Amino acid sequence: YNFDFRLWNFTSNPPSNQDPRLEKNYAEYLKGFCYDPENTKTTLPMDPGSHRSFDSHYYVNLKKHKALFYSDSQLLSNGTKFARETVDELLDTVKFLQEFAVSMQRLNAIDVKTGSDGGIRKRCCFVN
C-alpha cells in the first residue's frame, strides 16, 4: 500500500505538499525512509513503537495523528461520530482484544473458500 502521497504530493500547492493531518515529527520520520518517491521497495511498520505486539497501540497512534494510511486518518477527521467513538473504545487493549475476537468469529461465518475453490493472493490487488 502506498502512502508516500501523504508526504510529497498531498496538494498541488507547494510548499504544503504534506498531508496537514499527519503529525509533523512522524512525517519527518517517514520522509527519512521514503526520501525517494520512486522507491516502492521500502517497508515500514504500521504501528511504530509497538509493531511486534498485538495490542491497541495502533489506535493510540491514530489519535496522535500518526496513522500511516490516509483511510485510517479519515476515521477521525471525516468519519462519523460512531467511527470516532469506536476508535476511542479501542484504545483500551482489553476492549480491542474482545472486539478482535468477535470480528474473527464473524469472518469465519462468511464461508471463506479453501482448497481448490479458493487461494491466497500473492498481491492483494490482483487475482493469481
N, C-alpha and C. Protein backbone atom coordinates (compact mmCIF):
# COMPACT_ATOMS: atom_id res chain seq x y z
N TYR A 1 0.85 -1.18 0.00
CA TYR A 1 0.00 0.00 0.00
C TYR A 1 0.89 1.23 0.00
N ASN A 2 0.61 2.17 -0.86
CA ASN A 2 1.39 3.40 -0.94
C ASN A 2 0.81 4.47 -0.03
N PHE A 3 1.68 5.13 0.66
CA PHE A 3 1.28 6.26 1.50
C PHE A 3 2.13 7.48 1.21
N ASP A 4 3.08 7.36 0.28
CA ASP A 4 4.02 8.44 0.03
C ASP A 4 3.35 9.72 -0.44
N PHE A 5 2.17 9.63 -1.05
CA PHE A 5 1.49 10.84 -1.48
C PHE A 5 1.16 11.75 -0.29
N ARG A 6 1.06 11.17 0.89
CA ARG A 6 0.79 11.98 2.09
C ARG A 6 2.02 12.80 2.48
N LEU A 7 3.18 12.40 2.02
CA LEU A 7 4.42 13.09 2.36
C LEU A 7 4.84 14.10 1.30
N TRP A 8 4.60 13.80 0.03
CA TRP A 8 5.17 14.59 -1.04
C TRP A 8 4.15 15.27 -1.94
N ASN A 9 3.04 14.65 -2.19
CA ASN A 9 2.12 15.16 -3.23
C ASN A 9 0.68 15.27 -2.74
N PHE A 10 0.50 15.70 -1.52
CA PHE A 10 -0.86 15.70 -0.98
C PHE A 10 -1.72 16.79 -1.63
N THR A 11 -1.14 17.94 -1.85
CA THR A 11 -1.88 19.02 -2.51
C THR A 11 -1.09 19.48 -3.72
N SER A 12 -1.70 20.28 -4.54
CA SER A 12 -0.99 20.81 -5.70
C SER A 12 -0.42 22.20 -5.41
N ASN A 13 -0.44 22.61 -4.14
CA ASN A 13 0.03 23.95 -3.76
C ASN A 13 1.27 23.86 -2.88
N PRO A 14 2.48 23.81 -3.47
CA PRO A 14 3.69 23.82 -2.64
C PRO A 14 3.73 25.08 -1.80
N PRO A 15 4.35 25.14 -0.64
CA PRO A 15 5.15 24.07 -0.07
C PRO A 15 4.36 23.12 0.81
N SER A 16 3.05 23.22 0.83
CA SER A 16 2.26 22.35 1.71
C SER A 16 1.88 21.05 1.02
N ASN A 17 2.89 20.35 0.51
CA ASN A 17 2.64 19.08 -0.17
C ASN A 17 2.41 17.94 0.79
N GLN A 18 2.56 18.18 2.07
CA GLN A 18 2.39 17.15 3.09
C GLN A 18 0.97 17.20 3.64
N ASP A 19 0.42 16.04 3.90
CA ASP A 19 -0.91 15.96 4.50
C ASP A 19 -0.90 16.69 5.83
N PRO A 20 -1.71 17.73 5.99
CA PRO A 20 -1.69 18.50 7.24
C PRO A 20 -2.23 17.71 8.44
N ARG A 21 -2.92 16.60 8.20
CA ARG A 21 -3.42 15.78 9.31
C ARG A 21 -2.34 14.85 9.87
N LEU A 22 -1.22 14.76 9.18
CA LEU A 22 -0.13 13.88 9.61
C LEU A 22 0.77 14.66 10.58
N GLU A 23 0.97 14.10 11.77
CA GLU A 23 1.79 14.76 12.78
C GLU A 23 3.18 15.05 12.21
N LYS A 24 3.66 16.27 12.40
CA LYS A 24 4.87 16.74 11.72
C LYS A 24 6.11 15.90 11.99
N ASN A 25 6.37 15.54 13.24
CA ASN A 25 7.56 14.73 13.56
C ASN A 25 7.46 13.33 12.94
N TYR A 26 6.26 12.78 12.95
CA TYR A 26 6.06 11.47 12.33
C TYR A 26 6.29 11.56 10.83
N ALA A 27 5.81 12.64 10.22
CA ALA A 27 6.02 12.84 8.78
C ALA A 27 7.51 12.93 8.46
N GLU A 28 8.26 13.64 9.29
CA GLU A 28 9.70 13.74 9.07
C GLU A 28 10.38 12.38 9.23
N TYR A 29 9.92 11.61 10.20
CA TYR A 29 10.43 10.24 10.39
C TYR A 29 10.19 9.41 9.14
N LEU A 30 8.98 9.48 8.60
CA LEU A 30 8.64 8.72 7.39
C LEU A 30 9.47 9.18 6.20
N LYS A 31 9.67 10.48 6.08
CA LYS A 31 10.46 11.02 4.97
C LYS A 31 11.90 10.51 5.02
N GLY A 32 12.39 10.23 6.23
CA GLY A 32 13.74 9.69 6.36
C GLY A 32 13.88 8.32 5.70
N PHE A 33 12.79 7.58 5.63
CA PHE A 33 12.80 6.27 4.98
C PHE A 33 12.33 6.35 3.53
N CYS A 34 11.55 7.34 3.25
CA CYS A 34 10.90 7.44 1.94
C CYS A 34 11.39 8.68 1.20
N TYR A 35 12.67 8.92 1.22
CA TYR A 35 13.23 10.12 0.59
C TYR A 35 13.13 10.09 -0.92
N ASP A 36 13.00 8.91 -1.48
CA ASP A 36 12.89 8.77 -2.93
C ASP A 36 11.46 8.33 -3.26
N PRO A 37 10.63 9.26 -3.75
CA PRO A 37 9.24 8.89 -4.05
C PRO A 37 9.09 7.77 -5.08
N GLU A 38 10.13 7.50 -5.85
CA GLU A 38 10.07 6.44 -6.85
C GLU A 38 10.36 5.06 -6.25
N ASN A 39 10.89 5.01 -5.03
CA ASN A 39 11.23 3.75 -4.37
C ASN A 39 9.95 3.07 -3.89
N THR A 40 9.68 1.90 -4.40
CA THR A 40 8.48 1.16 -3.99
C THR A 40 8.85 -0.08 -3.16
N LYS A 41 10.08 -0.19 -2.76
CA LYS A 41 10.55 -1.37 -2.02
C LYS A 41 10.60 -1.19 -0.51
N THR A 42 10.62 0.05 -0.04
CA THR A 42 10.75 0.31 1.39
C THR A 42 9.49 -0.13 2.13
N THR A 43 9.67 -0.82 3.23
CA THR A 43 8.54 -1.19 4.09
C THR A 43 8.74 -0.57 5.46
N LEU A 44 7.65 -0.22 6.08
CA LEU A 44 7.66 0.39 7.41
C LEU A 44 6.58 -0.23 8.27
N PRO A 45 6.77 -0.24 9.58
CA PRO A 45 5.70 -0.77 10.44
C PRO A 45 4.49 0.15 10.45
N MET A 46 3.31 -0.45 10.44
CA MET A 46 2.07 0.33 10.55
C MET A 46 1.93 0.95 11.93
N ASP A 47 2.57 0.34 12.90
CA ASP A 47 2.37 0.73 14.29
C ASP A 47 3.72 0.98 14.96
N PRO A 48 4.36 2.12 14.69
CA PRO A 48 5.66 2.37 15.30
C PRO A 48 5.57 2.38 16.82
N GLY A 49 6.53 1.75 17.44
CA GLY A 49 6.55 1.69 18.90
C GLY A 49 5.94 0.42 19.45
N SER A 50 5.17 -0.28 18.64
CA SER A 50 4.50 -1.48 19.13
C SER A 50 4.29 -2.49 18.01
N HIS A 51 5.06 -2.40 16.96
CA HIS A 51 4.79 -3.22 15.77
C HIS A 51 5.06 -4.71 15.97
N ARG A 52 5.70 -5.08 17.03
CA ARG A 52 5.94 -6.51 17.29
C ARG A 52 4.94 -7.08 18.30
N SER A 53 4.00 -6.27 18.72
CA SER A 53 2.99 -6.71 19.70
C SER A 53 1.61 -6.62 19.08
N PHE A 54 0.75 -7.50 19.52
CA PHE A 54 -0.64 -7.44 19.08
C PHE A 54 -1.43 -6.77 20.20
N ASP A 55 -1.68 -5.49 20.02
CA ASP A 55 -2.32 -4.69 21.06
C ASP A 55 -3.09 -3.53 20.43
N SER A 56 -3.55 -2.62 21.25
CA SER A 56 -4.35 -1.49 20.77
C SER A 56 -3.52 -0.25 20.48
N HIS A 57 -2.22 -0.36 20.50
CA HIS A 57 -1.35 0.82 20.33
C HIS A 57 -1.57 1.52 19.00
N TYR A 58 -2.00 0.80 17.99
CA TYR A 58 -2.27 1.44 16.70
C TYR A 58 -3.28 2.57 16.87
N TYR A 59 -4.27 2.37 17.72
CA TYR A 59 -5.30 3.39 17.93
C TYR A 59 -4.76 4.57 18.74
N VAL A 60 -3.79 4.30 19.60
CA VAL A 60 -3.11 5.39 20.31
C VAL A 60 -2.41 6.28 19.29
N ASN A 61 -1.69 5.65 18.35
CA ASN A 61 -1.01 6.42 17.30
C ASN A 61 -2.02 7.16 16.43
N LEU A 62 -3.12 6.52 16.13
CA LEU A 62 -4.15 7.15 15.31
C LEU A 62 -4.63 8.44 15.97
N LYS A 63 -4.86 8.40 17.26
CA LYS A 63 -5.32 9.59 17.99
C LYS A 63 -4.26 10.70 18.01
N LYS A 64 -2.99 10.31 17.87
CA LYS A 64 -1.89 11.28 17.85
C LYS A 64 -1.56 11.74 16.43
N HIS A 65 -2.42 11.40 15.48
CA HIS A 65 -2.25 11.76 14.07
C HIS A 65 -0.99 11.14 13.48
N LYS A 66 -0.74 9.89 13.88
CA LYS A 66 0.38 9.13 13.35
C LYS A 66 -0.12 7.90 12.60
N ALA A 67 -1.20 8.08 11.88
CA ALA A 67 -1.74 6.99 11.07
C ALA A 67 -0.98 6.94 9.76
N LEU A 68 -0.45 5.79 9.45
CA LEU A 68 0.31 5.63 8.21
C LEU A 68 -0.59 5.77 6.99
N PHE A 69 -1.78 5.21 7.07
CA PHE A 69 -2.67 5.17 5.92
C PHE A 69 -3.70 6.31 5.97
N TYR A 70 -3.91 6.90 4.84
CA TYR A 70 -4.86 8.01 4.72
C TYR A 70 -6.26 7.57 5.15
N SER A 71 -6.67 6.38 4.73
CA SER A 71 -8.02 5.91 5.07
C SER A 71 -8.21 5.85 6.58
N ASP A 72 -7.17 5.47 7.31
CA ASP A 72 -7.28 5.41 8.76
C ASP A 72 -7.37 6.82 9.36
N SER A 73 -6.61 7.75 8.82
CA SER A 73 -6.66 9.12 9.34
C SER A 73 -8.05 9.72 9.14
N GLN A 74 -8.74 9.27 8.11
CA GLN A 74 -10.08 9.77 7.82
C GLN A 74 -11.09 9.37 8.90
N LEU A 75 -10.82 8.30 9.62
CA LEU A 75 -11.73 7.89 10.69
C LEU A 75 -11.94 9.01 11.70
N LEU A 76 -10.89 9.78 11.98
CA LEU A 76 -11.00 10.85 12.95
C LEU A 76 -11.38 12.18 12.33
N SER A 77 -10.91 12.45 11.13
CA SER A 77 -11.16 13.77 10.55
C SER A 77 -12.49 13.86 9.80
N ASN A 78 -12.82 12.83 9.06
CA ASN A 78 -14.06 12.87 8.27
C ASN A 78 -15.01 11.74 8.61
N GLY A 79 -14.65 10.97 9.60
CA GLY A 79 -15.50 9.85 9.99
C GLY A 79 -16.72 10.31 10.77
N THR A 80 -17.60 9.39 10.98
CA THR A 80 -18.81 9.69 11.74
C THR A 80 -18.49 9.74 13.23
N LYS A 81 -19.43 10.21 14.00
CA LYS A 81 -19.28 10.20 15.46
C LYS A 81 -19.08 8.75 15.93
N PHE A 82 -19.79 7.82 15.31
CA PHE A 82 -19.65 6.41 15.65
C PHE A 82 -18.21 5.93 15.43
N ALA A 83 -17.60 6.33 14.30
CA ALA A 83 -16.22 5.92 14.00
C ALA A 83 -15.27 6.48 15.05
N ARG A 84 -15.42 7.74 15.41
CA ARG A 84 -14.55 8.35 16.42
C ARG A 84 -14.74 7.69 17.78
N GLU A 85 -15.98 7.37 18.13
CA GLU A 85 -16.25 6.70 19.40
C GLU A 85 -15.66 5.29 19.40
N THR A 86 -15.73 4.62 18.27
CA THR A 86 -15.15 3.27 18.16
C THR A 86 -13.65 3.32 18.37
N VAL A 87 -12.98 4.28 17.75
CA VAL A 87 -11.54 4.43 17.95
C VAL A 87 -11.25 4.67 19.42
N ASP A 88 -12.03 5.52 20.06
CA ASP A 88 -11.83 5.79 21.50
C ASP A 88 -11.98 4.52 22.33
N GLU A 89 -12.96 3.70 22.00
CA GLU A 89 -13.16 2.44 22.73
C GLU A 89 -11.99 1.49 22.54
N LEU A 90 -11.44 1.46 21.32
CA LEU A 90 -10.37 0.51 21.00
C LEU A 90 -9.01 0.91 21.56
N LEU A 91 -8.94 2.07 22.20
CA LEU A 91 -7.71 2.46 22.90
C LEU A 91 -7.44 1.52 24.07
N ASP A 92 -8.50 0.95 24.61
CA ASP A 92 -8.39 0.00 25.72
C ASP A 92 -8.03 -1.37 25.15
N THR A 93 -6.87 -1.89 25.53
CA THR A 93 -6.38 -3.15 24.97
C THR A 93 -7.36 -4.30 25.21
N VAL A 94 -7.96 -4.37 26.39
CA VAL A 94 -8.91 -5.45 26.68
C VAL A 94 -10.10 -5.36 25.72
N LYS A 95 -10.63 -4.17 25.54
CA LYS A 95 -11.76 -3.98 24.62
C LYS A 95 -11.35 -4.33 23.18
N PHE A 96 -10.14 -3.89 22.80
CA PHE A 96 -9.63 -4.20 21.46
C PHE A 96 -9.58 -5.71 21.24
N LEU A 97 -9.02 -6.44 22.19
CA LEU A 97 -8.90 -7.89 22.04
C LEU A 97 -10.27 -8.57 22.00
N GLN A 98 -11.22 -8.07 22.79
CA GLN A 98 -12.57 -8.62 22.76
C GLN A 98 -13.21 -8.39 21.38
N GLU A 99 -13.10 -7.18 20.89
CA GLU A 99 -13.69 -6.84 19.59
C GLU A 99 -13.00 -7.60 18.45
N PHE A 100 -11.70 -7.79 18.57
CA PHE A 100 -10.99 -8.55 17.56
C PHE A 100 -11.49 -9.99 17.52
N ALA A 101 -11.69 -10.58 18.69
CA ALA A 101 -12.20 -11.96 18.76
C ALA A 101 -13.57 -12.06 18.09
N VAL A 102 -14.44 -11.09 18.34
CA VAL A 102 -15.76 -11.09 17.73
C VAL A 102 -15.64 -10.96 16.21
N SER A 103 -14.74 -10.09 15.76
CA SER A 103 -14.59 -9.91 14.31
C SER A 103 -14.06 -11.18 13.64
N MET A 104 -13.20 -11.92 14.30
CA MET A 104 -12.70 -13.17 13.74
C MET A 104 -13.82 -14.21 13.66
N GLN A 105 -14.70 -14.23 14.65
CA GLN A 105 -15.84 -15.14 14.60
C GLN A 105 -16.75 -14.80 13.42
N ARG A 106 -16.97 -13.51 13.21
CA ARG A 106 -17.80 -13.08 12.07
C ARG A 106 -17.13 -13.42 10.75
N LEU A 107 -15.83 -13.22 10.67
CA LEU A 107 -15.10 -13.54 9.45
C LEU A 107 -15.20 -15.03 9.14
N ASN A 108 -15.17 -15.85 10.16
CA ASN A 108 -15.29 -17.29 9.99
C ASN A 108 -16.66 -17.68 9.41
N ALA A 109 -17.66 -16.86 9.70
CA ALA A 109 -19.02 -17.18 9.27
C ALA A 109 -19.29 -16.82 7.81
N ILE A 110 -18.37 -16.21 7.11
CA ILE A 110 -18.66 -15.79 5.73
C ILE A 110 -18.27 -16.83 4.70
N ASP A 111 -17.94 -18.01 5.17
CA ASP A 111 -17.69 -19.13 4.27
C ASP A 111 -16.52 -18.86 3.33
N VAL A 112 -15.36 -18.70 3.90
CA VAL A 112 -14.14 -18.48 3.13
C VAL A 112 -13.86 -19.71 2.29
N LYS A 113 -13.49 -19.48 1.04
CA LYS A 113 -13.19 -20.59 0.12
C LYS A 113 -11.82 -21.14 0.44
N THR A 114 -11.71 -22.46 0.43
CA THR A 114 -10.45 -23.11 0.74
C THR A 114 -10.15 -24.17 -0.31
N GLY A 115 -8.94 -24.73 -0.24
CA GLY A 115 -8.55 -25.79 -1.16
C GLY A 115 -8.56 -25.31 -2.59
N SER A 116 -9.04 -26.13 -3.50
CA SER A 116 -9.05 -25.76 -4.92
C SER A 116 -10.12 -24.72 -5.25
N ASP A 117 -11.02 -24.45 -4.31
CA ASP A 117 -12.07 -23.44 -4.52
C ASP A 117 -11.60 -22.03 -4.22
N GLY A 118 -10.48 -21.88 -3.52
CA GLY A 118 -10.00 -20.56 -3.13
C GLY A 118 -8.50 -20.46 -3.24
N GLY A 119 -7.94 -19.41 -2.72
CA GLY A 119 -6.49 -19.24 -2.76
C GLY A 119 -6.07 -17.96 -2.08
N ILE A 120 -4.81 -17.91 -1.74
CA ILE A 120 -4.24 -16.72 -1.13
C ILE A 120 -3.57 -15.92 -2.23
N ARG A 121 -3.94 -14.67 -2.35
CA ARG A 121 -3.36 -13.83 -3.39
C ARG A 121 -1.91 -13.50 -3.07
N LYS A 122 -1.07 -13.55 -4.09
CA LYS A 122 0.33 -13.18 -3.92
C LYS A 122 0.44 -11.66 -3.80
N ARG A 123 -0.41 -10.94 -4.53
CA ARG A 123 -0.51 -9.49 -4.41
C ARG A 123 -1.99 -9.18 -4.26
N CYS A 124 -2.31 -8.44 -3.22
CA CYS A 124 -3.71 -8.22 -2.84
C CYS A 124 -4.58 -7.66 -3.97
N CYS A 125 -4.01 -6.81 -4.79
CA CYS A 125 -4.83 -6.15 -5.79
C CYS A 125 -4.99 -6.95 -7.08
N PHE A 126 -4.40 -8.16 -7.14
CA PHE A 126 -4.50 -8.98 -8.34
C PHE A 126 -4.92 -10.40 -7.98
N VAL A 127 -5.76 -10.98 -8.84
CA VAL A 127 -6.09 -12.39 -8.71
C VAL A 127 -4.93 -13.17 -9.29
N ASN A 128 -4.50 -14.24 -8.61
CA ASN A 128 -3.36 -15.04 -9.08
C ASN A 128 -3.63 -15.61 -10.45
